[in-house]
Amino acid sequence: MFCPRLRLLPVFAAAAALACPPWQPTAAADFSPAQVQSIESIVRDYLTKNPDVVIDILQAEKAKRDREADVKTAALIAEHQREIYENPQTPVGGNPHGKVSLVEFFDYRCPYCKQSQPSLEKLTLEDPELRLVYKEFPILGPASVTAAHAALAASRQGRYEAFHRAMMAARGSIADDTVFRVAKSVGLDIDRLKRDMAAPEIAAAIEANKKLAEALNIDGTPAFVIGNRVVPGEIDLAALKKLVADPAKN
């Protein structure tokens, strides 16, 4: 044990210093019950009169944890850089040679992914340097898996983005028949699509995305990766523009 010290509690620090000099570690057992009660009373009284101190301490601790988490995330992204940004099995939209890459992990049954989609489409149209990387991450049931397989199979017919946008625009409950109805609506050959959906390479690509998400501590959708950051949750156009404008700072 050590002598407790709170930099922002001068009254408590003074009382503690009387009970245990800083050069001599003091065990809790060295305090008498009366001393413990007195110290607790001083702290309680101080915090009651100065509640902002608690807020300051909690905010400082949160900021510290956030900084530590950012450092860990940056290291993970650096470790998996090629898998995130340069996997040849991953469809790419926008400008494939753009200077800024924005990666999205998504599920076609996720309502928050659907709500983010219009902002992503608008940003892609407005920013000619944006490279949008699509990570199929089906986590919301069998229909999500079917949709993800169909999307990657659609890329073999050159219709990935058309299918992706149509699926994101689909409303109501998503089932397997929804997937094939949407596929037909964007001009896909359904027989070929079903054959391609069974290709082992497609299953492997989806499994690789799941493992990558796990490595990056991504456990929900949508989740965006840009620069050395992971940004979870739905995001609006203004926030997306800010991220893309300066990935290192925002």
Protein backbone atom coordinates (compact mmCIF):
# COMPACT_ATOMS: atom_id res chain seq x y z
CA MET A 1 0.00 0.00 0.00
CA PHE A 2 1.02 3.60 -0.38
CA CYS A 3 0.08 6.88 1.15
CA PRO A 4 -2.86 8.23 -0.93
CA ARG A 5 -2.31 11.51 -2.74
CA LEU A 6 -4.74 13.51 -4.86
CA ARG A 7 -3.10 16.52 -6.47
CA LEU A 8 -6.41 18.37 -6.75
CA LEU A 9 -7.39 17.81 -3.10
CA PRO A 10 -5.08 20.04 -1.03
CA VAL A 11 -7.04 19.65 2.19
CA PHE A 12 -6.97 15.86 1.99
CA ALA A 13 -3.31 15.89 0.96
CA ALA A 14 -2.39 17.95 4.01
CA ALA A 15 -4.30 15.64 6.33
CA ALA A 16 -2.71 12.58 4.76
CA ALA A 17 0.75 14.10 5.06
CA LEU A 18 0.27 14.45 8.81
CA ALA A 19 -0.67 10.81 9.09
CA CYS A 20 2.08 9.42 6.83
CA PRO A 21 5.24 11.33 5.86
CA PRO A 22 5.99 11.01 2.11
CA TRP A 23 9.32 9.28 2.74
CA GLN A 24 7.75 6.42 4.66
CA PRO A 25 5.13 4.23 2.93
CA THR A 26 2.18 3.65 5.23
CA ALA A 27 -0.13 0.65 5.18
CA ALA A 28 -3.86 1.08 5.63
CA ALA A 29 -3.58 -0.90 8.84
CA ASP A 30 -1.35 1.87 10.31
CA PHE A 31 -4.34 4.24 10.41
CA SER A 32 -6.52 4.06 13.46
CA PRO A 33 -10.28 3.80 12.88
CA ALA A 34 -10.60 7.37 14.09
CA GLN A 35 -7.98 8.57 11.58
CA VAL A 36 -9.68 6.75 8.72
CA GLN A 37 -13.03 8.25 9.67
CA SER A 38 -11.49 11.71 9.91
CA ILE A 39 -9.80 11.47 6.50
CA GLU A 40 -12.97 10.18 4.86
CA SER A 41 -14.93 13.01 6.40
CA ILE A 42 -12.43 15.59 5.10
CA VAL A 43 -12.55 14.16 1.58
CA ARG A 44 -16.33 13.88 1.56
CA ASP A 45 -16.72 17.44 2.79
CA TYR A 46 -14.24 18.77 0.23
CA LEU A 47 -15.90 16.96 -2.69
CA THR A 48 -19.35 18.08 -1.59
CA LYS A 49 -18.21 21.70 -1.61
CA ASN A 50 -16.15 21.30 -4.83
CA PRO A 51 -18.01 18.90 -7.18
CA ASP A 52 -16.13 20.27 -10.18
CA VAL A 53 -13.03 18.51 -8.86
CA VAL A 54 -14.63 15.12 -9.51
CA ILE A 55 -15.59 16.18 -13.03
CA ASP A 56 -12.03 17.38 -13.69
CA ILE A 57 -10.56 14.11 -12.47
CA LEU A 58 -12.97 12.00 -14.54
CA GLN A 59 -12.37 14.08 -17.66
CA ALA A 60 -8.60 13.89 -17.22
CA GLU A 61 -8.78 10.13 -16.77
CA LYS A 62 -11.01 9.76 -19.86
CA ALA A 63 -8.62 11.89 -21.91
CA LYS A 64 -5.74 9.71 -20.78
CA ARG A 65 -7.58 6.50 -21.70
CA ASP A 66 -8.56 7.97 -25.07
CA ARG A 67 -4.94 8.88 -25.83
CA GLU A 68 -3.78 5.40 -24.89
CA ALA A 69 -6.53 3.84 -27.03
CA ASP A 70 -5.58 6.06 -30.00
CA VAL A 71 -1.96 4.95 -29.76
CA LYS A 72 -2.98 1.28 -29.67
CA THR A 73 -5.37 1.72 -32.60
CA ALA A 74 -2.72 3.46 -34.68
CA ALA A 75 -0.32 0.59 -34.03
CA LEU A 76 -2.96 -1.98 -35.05
CA ILE A 77 -3.73 -0.10 -38.26
CA ALA A 78 -0.04 0.11 -39.11
CA GLU A 79 0.29 -3.63 -38.51
CA HIS A 80 -2.63 -4.42 -40.84
CA GLN A 81 -2.08 -1.61 -43.35
CA ARG A 82 -2.12 -3.74 -46.50
CA GLU A 83 -5.14 -5.76 -45.42
CA ILE A 84 -7.10 -2.61 -44.68
CA TYR A 85 -6.25 -0.47 -47.67
CA GLU A 86 -4.72 -2.65 -50.39
CA ASN A 87 -6.44 -6.05 -50.32
CA PRO A 88 -7.09 -6.96 -53.98
CA GLN A 89 -10.22 -8.91 -52.94
CA THR A 90 -11.83 -5.76 -51.53
CA PRO A 91 -14.03 -3.65 -53.86
CA VAL A 92 -13.08 0.01 -54.20
CA GLY A 93 -15.32 2.92 -55.17
CA GLY A 94 -14.88 6.60 -55.83
CA ASN A 95 -11.47 7.26 -57.36
CA PRO A 96 -9.47 4.00 -57.14
CA HIS A 97 -6.28 6.08 -57.33
CA GLY A 98 -7.46 8.80 -54.94
CA LYS A 99 -5.12 10.36 -52.39
CA VAL A 100 -7.40 9.69 -49.40
CA SER A 101 -8.78 6.24 -48.56
CA LEU A 102 -11.89 5.85 -46.42
CA VAL A 103 -12.69 2.28 -45.38
CA GLU A 104 -16.18 1.24 -44.28
CA PHE A 105 -17.11 -1.97 -42.47
CA PHE A 106 -20.86 -2.43 -42.99
CA ASP A 107 -23.82 -4.79 -43.02
CA TYR A 108 -26.73 -4.46 -45.47
CA ARG A 109 -29.24 -5.00 -42.66
CA CYS A 110 -27.74 -2.30 -40.47
CA PRO A 111 -30.04 0.77 -40.33
CA TYR A 112 -27.17 3.05 -39.32
CA CYS A 113 -25.17 1.96 -42.35
CA LYS A 114 -28.16 2.85 -44.51
CA GLN A 115 -28.44 6.25 -42.85
CA SER A 116 -24.76 6.95 -43.53
CA GLN A 117 -24.96 5.90 -47.18
CA PRO A 118 -26.37 9.17 -48.66
CA SER A 119 -23.56 11.13 -47.03
CA LEU A 120 -20.98 8.72 -48.43
CA GLU A 121 -22.44 8.94 -51.92
CA LYS A 122 -22.53 12.73 -51.82
CA LEU A 123 -18.98 12.93 -50.52
CA THR A 124 -17.77 10.59 -53.24
CA LEU A 125 -19.34 12.82 -55.88
CA GLU A 126 -17.94 16.01 -54.36
CA ASP A 127 -14.40 14.80 -53.68
CA PRO A 128 -12.52 13.51 -56.76
CA GLU A 129 -9.61 12.39 -54.57
CA LEU A 130 -11.65 10.09 -52.32
CA ARG A 131 -11.05 6.36 -52.53
CA LEU A 132 -13.85 4.41 -50.82
CA VAL A 133 -12.93 0.90 -49.65
CA TYR A 134 -15.85 -1.49 -49.04
CA LYS A 135 -15.44 -4.09 -46.30
CA GLU A 136 -18.35 -6.54 -46.29
CA PHE A 137 -18.93 -7.35 -42.62
CA PRO A 138 -22.15 -9.39 -42.29
CA ILE A 139 -22.89 -9.70 -38.58
CA LEU A 140 -26.68 -9.43 -38.42
CA GLY A 141 -27.80 -12.90 -39.46
CA PRO A 142 -28.01 -15.27 -42.44
CA ALA A 143 -29.61 -12.72 -44.79
CA SER A 144 -26.66 -10.41 -44.18
CA VAL A 145 -24.31 -13.20 -45.19
CA THR A 146 -26.31 -13.86 -48.36
CA ALA A 147 -26.21 -10.16 -49.24
CA ALA A 148 -22.46 -9.95 -48.67
CA HIS A 149 -21.83 -12.99 -50.88
CA ALA A 150 -24.10 -11.52 -53.56
CA ALA A 151 -22.29 -8.17 -53.44
CA LEU A 152 -18.87 -9.71 -53.95
CA ALA A 153 -20.27 -11.97 -56.66
CA ALA A 154 -21.77 -8.89 -58.35
CA SER A 155 -18.26 -7.47 -58.69
CA ARG A 156 -17.50 -10.33 -61.10
CA GLN A 157 -20.14 -8.86 -63.39
CA GLY A 158 -18.83 -5.33 -62.93
CA ARG A 159 -21.89 -4.30 -60.90
CA TYR A 160 -20.62 -4.12 -57.34
CA GLU A 161 -21.38 -0.46 -56.66
CA ALA A 162 -24.75 -0.60 -58.41
CA PHE A 163 -25.77 -3.56 -56.26
CA HIS A 164 -24.28 -2.02 -53.11
CA ARG A 165 -26.19 1.23 -53.48
CA ALA A 166 -29.43 -0.55 -54.33
CA MET A 167 -29.11 -2.78 -51.27
CA MET A 168 -28.38 0.21 -49.06
CA ALA A 169 -31.48 1.91 -50.47
CA ALA A 170 -33.68 -1.15 -49.82
CA ARG A 171 -36.13 -0.58 -46.98
CA GLY A 172 -37.98 -2.98 -44.73
CA SER A 173 -36.87 -6.41 -43.69
CA ILE A 174 -34.00 -7.84 -45.73
CA ALA A 175 -34.29 -11.53 -46.64
CA ASP A 176 -32.68 -13.74 -49.26
CA ASP A 177 -35.43 -13.01 -51.80
CA THR A 178 -34.83 -9.28 -51.27
CA VAL A 179 -31.19 -9.78 -52.21
CA PHE A 180 -32.02 -11.49 -55.50
CA ARG A 181 -34.79 -9.04 -56.31
CA VAL A 182 -32.35 -6.15 -55.89
CA ALA A 183 -29.73 -8.01 -57.92
CA LYS A 184 -32.18 -8.43 -60.79
CA SER A 185 -33.16 -4.77 -60.61
CA VAL A 186 -29.57 -3.64 -61.29
CA GLY A 187 -29.18 -5.95 -64.28
CA LEU A 188 -27.29 -8.87 -62.78
CA ASP A 189 -27.46 -12.35 -64.30
CA ILE A 190 -29.03 -14.19 -61.36
CA ASP A 191 -27.97 -17.69 -62.40
CA ARG A 192 -24.37 -16.59 -62.75
CA LEU A 193 -24.61 -14.60 -59.54
CA LYS A 194 -25.69 -17.67 -57.57
CA ARG A 195 -22.86 -19.73 -59.01
CA ASP A 196 -20.31 -17.06 -58.17
CA MET A 197 -21.71 -16.63 -54.66
CA ALA A 198 -20.63 -20.21 -53.92
CA ALA A 199 -17.01 -19.55 -54.91
CA PRO A 200 -14.62 -20.30 -52.04
CA GLU A 201 -12.74 -17.06 -52.72
CA ILE A 202 -15.81 -15.05 -51.77
CA ALA A 203 -16.30 -16.90 -48.49
CA ALA A 204 -12.59 -16.43 -47.78
CA ALA A 205 -12.80 -12.69 -48.45
CA ILE A 206 -15.68 -12.27 -46.00
CA GLU A 207 -13.90 -14.35 -43.38
CA ALA A 208 -10.79 -12.21 -43.85
CA ASN A 209 -12.88 -9.08 -43.23
CA LYS A 210 -14.24 -10.57 -40.02
CA LYS A 211 -10.76 -11.41 -38.79
CA LEU A 212 -9.53 -7.95 -39.71
CA ALA A 213 -12.41 -6.34 -37.83
CA GLU A 214 -11.60 -8.44 -34.79
CA ALA A 215 -7.94 -7.43 -35.00
CA LEU A 216 -8.97 -3.76 -35.09
CA ASN A 217 -11.46 -4.21 -32.21
CA ILE A 218 -14.38 -3.42 -34.50
CA ASP A 219 -17.49 -5.17 -33.20
CA GLY A 220 -20.33 -3.24 -34.82
CA THR A 221 -21.44 -1.44 -37.96
CA PRO A 222 -20.85 0.94 -39.47
CA ALA A 223 -17.20 1.48 -38.62
CA PHE A 224 -14.83 3.63 -40.62
CA VAL A 225 -11.06 3.49 -40.88
CA ILE A 226 -9.17 6.51 -42.13
CA GLY A 227 -5.51 7.32 -41.65
CA ASN A 228 -4.60 5.82 -38.30
CA ARG A 229 -8.07 6.03 -36.77
CA VAL A 230 -11.13 3.85 -36.35
CA VAL A 231 -14.36 5.85 -36.19
CA PRO A 232 -17.34 3.75 -35.06
CA GLY A 233 -21.00 4.51 -35.67
CA GLU A 234 -23.16 6.48 -38.04
CA ILE A 235 -21.53 9.64 -39.35
CA ASP A 236 -23.00 12.63 -41.15
CA LEU A 237 -21.68 14.51 -44.17
CA ALA A 238 -20.09 17.36 -42.20
CA ALA A 239 -18.15 14.95 -39.99
CA LEU A 240 -17.08 12.88 -43.00
CA LYS A 241 -15.77 15.98 -44.76
CA LYS A 242 -13.80 16.89 -41.67
CA LEU A 243 -12.26 13.43 -41.46
CA VAL A 244 -11.34 13.33 -45.13
CA ALA A 245 -9.94 16.88 -45.08
CA ASP A 246 -7.35 15.97 -42.45
CA PRO A 247 -7.31 12.27 -41.49
CA ALA A 248 -4.35 12.75 -39.14
CA LYS A 249 -6.04 15.35 -36.96
CA ASN A 250 -9.79 14.63 -36.98
